[in-house]
Amino acid sequence: MELAVLAGILSTGLFAMSYLPMLVKAARTKDLSSYSFGNLAITNVGNAVHSVYVFSLPLGPIWFLHTFYLVASALMLAWFLRYRTAGRRADRAPSPSSPTASEPGSYPMSAVS
């Protein structure tokens, strides 16, 4: 095997492994508040445009790495939009255990000192 191909295979595995903790944490916690929509959107557009170049190359490790990046960035954007929307709905809906202003004994925070 040629040294360049071996280096490509090794680096593809290392880059993919470096992304896995981020993907696992995002899937597990559903907390993507540290990511911005703009960054995730630009990353996806950049990956789509870069695909024209990558997939014009002969089949090799770069195809697998780029495909991994395409899937990972698309997942992060989809999760960001999904969890942000779900979080907004949860913020608007009052919790059944939280007191409302009409319940006796509940006071606005400014009135409690």
N, C-alpha and C. Protein backbone atom coordinates (compact mmCIF):
# COMPACT_ATOMS: atom_id res chain seq x y z
N MET A 1 0.85 -1.18 0.00
CA MET A 1 0.00 0.00 0.00
C MET A 1 0.90 1.24 0.00
N GLU A 2 0.51 2.21 -0.76
CA GLU A 2 1.26 3.46 -0.87
C GLU A 2 1.18 4.25 0.44
N LEU A 3 2.24 4.94 0.80
CA LEU A 3 2.31 5.69 2.05
C LEU A 3 1.22 6.77 2.12
N ALA A 4 0.96 7.45 1.03
CA ALA A 4 -0.05 8.50 1.02
C ALA A 4 -1.45 7.94 1.31
N VAL A 5 -1.77 6.79 0.75
CA VAL A 5 -3.07 6.16 0.99
C VAL A 5 -3.17 5.70 2.44
N LEU A 6 -2.10 5.12 2.96
CA LEU A 6 -2.07 4.70 4.35
C LEU A 6 -2.27 5.90 5.29
N ALA A 7 -1.60 7.00 5.00
CA ALA A 7 -1.76 8.22 5.79
C ALA A 7 -3.20 8.72 5.69
N GLY A 8 -3.80 8.64 4.52
CA GLY A 8 -5.19 9.05 4.34
C GLY A 8 -6.15 8.20 5.15
N ILE A 9 -5.93 6.90 5.17
CA ILE A 9 -6.78 5.99 5.94
C ILE A 9 -6.64 6.27 7.43
N LEU A 10 -5.41 6.44 7.88
CA LEU A 10 -5.16 6.71 9.30
C LEU A 10 -5.77 8.06 9.73
N SER A 11 -5.55 9.09 8.93
CA SER A 11 -6.07 10.41 9.30
C SER A 11 -7.60 10.43 9.23
N THR A 12 -8.21 9.71 8.31
CA THR A 12 -9.66 9.63 8.24
C THR A 12 -10.21 9.04 9.53
N GLY A 13 -9.61 7.96 9.99
CA GLY A 13 -10.04 7.35 11.25
C GLY A 13 -9.87 8.29 12.43
N LEU A 14 -8.76 8.99 12.48
CA LEU A 14 -8.50 9.92 13.59
C LEU A 14 -9.48 11.10 13.58
N PHE A 15 -9.72 11.67 12.41
CA PHE A 15 -10.67 12.79 12.33
C PHE A 15 -12.08 12.34 12.71
N ALA A 16 -12.48 11.19 12.22
CA ALA A 16 -13.82 10.68 12.55
C ALA A 16 -13.94 10.42 14.05
N MET A 17 -12.90 9.82 14.65
CA MET A 17 -12.93 9.57 16.10
C MET A 17 -12.98 10.87 16.90
N SER A 18 -12.36 11.93 16.39
CA SER A 18 -12.37 13.19 17.12
C SER A 18 -13.76 13.84 17.10
N TYR A 19 -14.56 13.53 16.10
CA TYR A 19 -15.93 14.08 16.00
C TYR A 19 -16.94 13.28 16.82
N LEU A 20 -16.67 12.01 17.03
CA LEU A 20 -17.66 11.15 17.69
C LEU A 20 -18.09 11.63 19.07
N PRO A 21 -17.19 12.09 19.95
CA PRO A 21 -17.67 12.57 21.25
C PRO A 21 -18.66 13.73 21.14
N MET A 22 -18.42 14.64 20.19
CA MET A 22 -19.33 15.76 19.98
C MET A 22 -20.70 15.26 19.54
N LEU A 23 -20.72 14.32 18.61
CA LEU A 23 -21.99 13.80 18.10
C LEU A 23 -22.74 13.02 19.18
N VAL A 24 -22.02 12.22 19.94
CA VAL A 24 -22.65 11.43 21.01
C VAL A 24 -23.22 12.36 22.08
N LYS A 25 -22.46 13.38 22.47
CA LYS A 25 -22.94 14.31 23.49
C LYS A 25 -24.17 15.08 23.00
N ALA A 26 -24.15 15.53 21.76
CA ALA A 26 -25.29 16.26 21.21
C ALA A 26 -26.53 15.36 21.16
N ALA A 27 -26.36 14.12 20.76
CA ALA A 27 -27.48 13.19 20.69
C ALA A 27 -28.01 12.84 22.08
N ARG A 28 -27.10 12.69 23.04
CA ARG A 28 -27.47 12.29 24.40
C ARG A 28 -28.13 13.43 25.17
N THR A 29 -27.53 14.62 25.14
CA THR A 29 -28.01 15.73 25.95
C THR A 29 -29.04 16.60 25.26
N LYS A 30 -29.05 16.57 23.94
CA LYS A 30 -29.90 17.45 23.14
C LYS A 30 -29.62 18.93 23.41
N ASP A 31 -28.43 19.23 23.93
CA ASP A 31 -28.04 20.60 24.23
C ASP A 31 -27.04 21.06 23.17
N LEU A 32 -27.52 21.85 22.24
CA LEU A 32 -26.66 22.40 21.20
C LEU A 32 -26.59 23.92 21.34
N SER A 33 -26.79 24.43 22.55
CA SER A 33 -26.82 25.87 22.77
C SER A 33 -25.46 26.53 22.50
N SER A 34 -24.38 25.77 22.51
CA SER A 34 -23.07 26.35 22.25
C SER A 34 -22.79 26.47 20.75
N TYR A 35 -23.70 25.99 19.91
CA TYR A 35 -23.54 26.07 18.47
C TYR A 35 -24.44 27.18 17.92
N SER A 36 -24.02 27.80 16.85
CA SER A 36 -24.85 28.83 16.23
C SER A 36 -25.43 28.29 14.92
N PHE A 37 -26.64 28.74 14.63
CA PHE A 37 -27.29 28.35 13.39
C PHE A 37 -26.44 28.76 12.19
N GLY A 38 -25.90 29.99 12.24
CA GLY A 38 -25.09 30.49 11.12
C GLY A 38 -23.90 29.60 10.82
N ASN A 39 -23.18 29.21 11.87
CA ASN A 39 -22.01 28.36 11.68
C ASN A 39 -22.40 27.01 11.12
N LEU A 40 -23.44 26.40 11.66
CA LEU A 40 -23.87 25.08 11.18
C LEU A 40 -24.38 25.16 9.74
N ALA A 41 -25.09 26.23 9.40
CA ALA A 41 -25.60 26.39 8.04
C ALA A 41 -24.45 26.57 7.05
N ILE A 42 -23.49 27.44 7.39
CA ILE A 42 -22.34 27.68 6.50
C ILE A 42 -21.51 26.40 6.34
N THR A 43 -21.36 25.65 7.41
CA THR A 43 -20.62 24.38 7.34
C THR A 43 -21.29 23.43 6.35
N ASN A 44 -22.61 23.35 6.40
CA ASN A 44 -23.33 22.46 5.49
C ASN A 44 -23.24 22.93 4.05
N VAL A 45 -23.34 24.22 3.82
CA VAL A 45 -23.21 24.75 2.46
C VAL A 45 -21.79 24.52 1.95
N GLY A 46 -20.80 24.79 2.80
CA GLY A 46 -19.40 24.56 2.41
C GLY A 46 -19.13 23.10 2.08
N ASN A 47 -19.68 22.20 2.88
CA ASN A 47 -19.51 20.77 2.60
C ASN A 47 -20.17 20.38 1.29
N ALA A 48 -21.34 20.93 1.02
CA ALA A 48 -22.03 20.61 -0.24
C ALA A 48 -21.22 21.09 -1.44
N VAL A 49 -20.70 22.30 -1.36
CA VAL A 49 -19.89 22.83 -2.47
C VAL A 49 -18.58 22.05 -2.60
N HIS A 50 -17.95 21.73 -1.49
CA HIS A 50 -16.69 20.98 -1.51
C HIS A 50 -16.88 19.57 -2.07
N SER A 51 -18.11 19.05 -1.97
CA SER A 51 -18.41 17.72 -2.51
C SER A 51 -18.14 17.65 -4.01
N VAL A 52 -18.37 18.74 -4.71
CA VAL A 52 -18.12 18.77 -6.16
C VAL A 52 -16.66 18.42 -6.42
N TYR A 53 -15.77 18.99 -5.62
CA TYR A 53 -14.35 18.71 -5.78
C TYR A 53 -14.00 17.29 -5.32
N VAL A 54 -14.41 16.96 -4.09
CA VAL A 54 -14.00 15.68 -3.50
C VAL A 54 -14.46 14.50 -4.35
N PHE A 55 -15.71 14.53 -4.80
CA PHE A 55 -16.23 13.39 -5.53
C PHE A 55 -15.78 13.37 -7.00
N SER A 56 -15.00 14.39 -7.41
CA SER A 56 -14.38 14.34 -8.73
C SER A 56 -13.04 13.61 -8.66
N LEU A 57 -12.53 13.39 -7.43
CA LEU A 57 -11.28 12.67 -7.23
C LEU A 57 -11.52 11.16 -7.33
N PRO A 58 -10.46 10.40 -7.58
CA PRO A 58 -10.62 8.93 -7.56
C PRO A 58 -11.05 8.47 -6.16
N LEU A 59 -11.78 7.37 -6.13
CA LEU A 59 -12.24 6.81 -4.85
C LEU A 59 -11.06 6.59 -3.93
N GLY A 60 -11.17 7.08 -2.72
CA GLY A 60 -10.09 6.92 -1.75
C GLY A 60 -10.56 7.36 -0.39
N PRO A 61 -9.64 7.42 0.56
CA PRO A 61 -10.00 7.78 1.94
C PRO A 61 -10.69 9.13 2.05
N ILE A 62 -10.35 10.07 1.18
CA ILE A 62 -10.97 11.40 1.25
C ILE A 62 -12.48 11.32 1.02
N TRP A 63 -12.93 10.39 0.22
CA TRP A 63 -14.37 10.20 -0.01
C TRP A 63 -15.05 9.82 1.31
N PHE A 64 -14.45 8.92 2.04
CA PHE A 64 -15.04 8.45 3.29
C PHE A 64 -15.02 9.55 4.34
N LEU A 65 -13.90 10.28 4.42
CA LEU A 65 -13.82 11.37 5.38
C LEU A 65 -14.83 12.46 5.06
N HIS A 66 -14.91 12.84 3.80
CA HIS A 66 -15.85 13.90 3.42
C HIS A 66 -17.30 13.45 3.62
N THR A 67 -17.59 12.21 3.32
CA THR A 67 -18.94 11.70 3.55
C THR A 67 -19.27 11.73 5.04
N PHE A 68 -18.31 11.38 5.88
CA PHE A 68 -18.51 11.46 7.32
C PHE A 68 -18.81 12.90 7.73
N TYR A 69 -18.03 13.85 7.22
CA TYR A 69 -18.27 15.27 7.53
C TYR A 69 -19.65 15.72 7.04
N LEU A 70 -20.04 15.28 5.85
CA LEU A 70 -21.37 15.64 5.34
C LEU A 70 -22.47 15.16 6.29
N VAL A 71 -22.38 13.90 6.69
CA VAL A 71 -23.40 13.32 7.57
C VAL A 71 -23.36 13.99 8.95
N ALA A 72 -22.17 14.17 9.50
CA ALA A 72 -22.04 14.76 10.84
C ALA A 72 -22.57 16.19 10.87
N SER A 73 -22.21 17.00 9.89
CA SER A 73 -22.67 18.39 9.90
C SER A 73 -24.16 18.48 9.63
N ALA A 74 -24.68 17.61 8.78
CA ALA A 74 -26.13 17.60 8.54
C ALA A 74 -26.89 17.17 9.79
N LEU A 75 -26.37 16.17 10.49
CA LEU A 75 -26.99 15.74 11.76
C LEU A 75 -27.00 16.87 12.78
N MET A 76 -25.86 17.55 12.92
CA MET A 76 -25.78 18.64 13.90
C MET A 76 -26.77 19.75 13.56
N LEU A 77 -26.90 20.09 12.29
CA LEU A 77 -27.86 21.13 11.90
C LEU A 77 -29.29 20.66 12.15
N ALA A 78 -29.59 19.43 11.79
CA ALA A 78 -30.95 18.90 12.01
C ALA A 78 -31.27 18.85 13.50
N TRP A 79 -30.33 18.39 14.31
CA TRP A 79 -30.56 18.34 15.75
C TRP A 79 -30.70 19.73 16.34
N PHE A 80 -29.87 20.67 15.86
CA PHE A 80 -29.95 22.05 16.35
C PHE A 80 -31.35 22.60 16.11
N LEU A 81 -31.86 22.42 14.89
CA LEU A 81 -33.20 22.93 14.57
C LEU A 81 -34.28 22.19 15.34
N ARG A 82 -34.16 20.90 15.45
CA ARG A 82 -35.17 20.09 16.13
C ARG A 82 -35.21 20.38 17.63
N TYR A 83 -34.06 20.38 18.27
CA TYR A 83 -34.03 20.57 19.72
C TYR A 83 -34.31 22.01 20.10
N ARG A 84 -33.92 22.95 19.26
CA ARG A 84 -34.23 24.36 19.53
C ARG A 84 -35.73 24.58 19.48
N THR A 85 -36.39 24.00 18.50
CA THR A 85 -37.83 24.11 18.36
C THR A 85 -38.53 23.42 19.53
N ALA A 86 -38.06 22.24 19.91
CA ALA A 86 -38.65 21.52 21.03
C ALA A 86 -38.43 22.29 22.32
N GLY A 87 -37.27 22.91 22.48
CA GLY A 87 -36.98 23.69 23.67
C GLY A 87 -37.86 24.91 23.79
N ARG A 88 -38.15 25.55 22.67
CA ARG A 88 -39.04 26.72 22.69
C ARG A 88 -40.44 26.34 23.10
N ARG A 89 -40.92 25.19 22.61
CA ARG A 89 -42.26 24.73 22.99
C ARG A 89 -42.29 24.43 24.48
N ALA A 90 -41.24 23.81 24.99
CA ALA A 90 -41.20 23.46 26.42
C ALA A 90 -41.14 24.72 27.28
N ASP A 91 -40.45 25.78 26.79
CA ASP A 91 -40.37 27.03 27.55
C ASP A 91 -41.72 27.72 27.64
N ARG A 92 -42.53 27.61 26.61
CA ARG A 92 -43.84 28.27 26.59
C ARG A 92 -44.87 27.54 27.42
N ALA A 93 -44.78 26.24 27.51
CA ALA A 93 -45.78 25.46 28.23
C ALA A 93 -45.47 25.48 29.72
N PRO A 94 -46.45 25.88 30.55
CA PRO A 94 -46.18 25.88 31.99
C PRO A 94 -46.06 24.46 32.52
N SER A 95 -45.18 24.31 33.45
CA SER A 95 -44.98 23.01 34.07
C SER A 95 -46.13 22.72 35.02
N PRO A 96 -46.66 21.48 35.04
CA PRO A 96 -47.78 21.17 35.92
C PRO A 96 -47.43 21.34 37.40
N SER A 97 -46.16 21.24 37.76
CA SER A 97 -45.77 21.35 39.16
C SER A 97 -45.42 22.78 39.56
N SER A 98 -45.29 23.70 38.60
CA SER A 98 -44.92 25.06 38.95
C SER A 98 -46.17 25.88 39.25
N PRO A 99 -46.13 26.70 40.31
CA PRO A 99 -47.31 27.50 40.66
C PRO A 99 -47.54 28.59 39.63
N THR A 100 -48.77 28.93 39.42
CA THR A 100 -49.11 30.04 38.53
C THR A 100 -49.51 31.22 39.39
N ALA A 101 -49.61 32.39 38.80
CA ALA A 101 -49.90 33.60 39.55
C ALA A 101 -51.29 33.56 40.17
N SER A 102 -52.19 32.74 39.64
CA SER A 102 -53.55 32.71 40.18
C SER A 102 -53.69 31.77 41.38
N GLU A 103 -52.66 30.98 41.67
CA GLU A 103 -52.75 30.05 42.79
C GLU A 103 -52.45 30.77 44.09
N PRO A 104 -53.19 30.45 45.16
CA PRO A 104 -52.90 31.05 46.45
C PRO A 104 -51.50 30.69 46.92
N GLY A 105 -50.82 31.64 47.50
CA GLY A 105 -49.48 31.39 48.03
C GLY A 105 -48.37 31.56 47.01
N SER A 106 -48.70 31.89 45.78
CA SER A 106 -47.66 32.11 44.79
C SER A 106 -47.47 33.60 44.60
N TYR A 107 -46.23 34.03 44.60
CA TYR A 107 -45.91 35.44 44.50
C TYR A 107 -44.92 35.66 43.39
N PRO A 108 -45.01 36.80 42.73
CA PRO A 108 -43.96 37.11 41.73
C PRO A 108 -42.62 37.25 42.43
N MET A 109 -41.54 36.91 41.72
CA MET A 109 -40.21 36.93 42.32
C MET A 109 -39.85 38.31 42.87
N SER A 110 -40.32 39.40 42.27
CA SER A 110 -39.98 40.72 42.74
C SER A 110 -40.63 41.03 44.09
N ALA A 111 -41.73 40.34 44.43
CA ALA A 111 -42.42 40.59 45.68
C ALA A 111 -41.80 39.81 46.82
N VAL A 112 -40.98 38.83 46.52
CA VAL A 112 -40.38 37.99 47.56
C VAL A 112 -39.00 38.56 47.88
N SER A 113 -38.77 38.94 49.15
CA SER A 113 -37.46 39.45 49.53
C SER A 113 -37.00 38.78 50.80
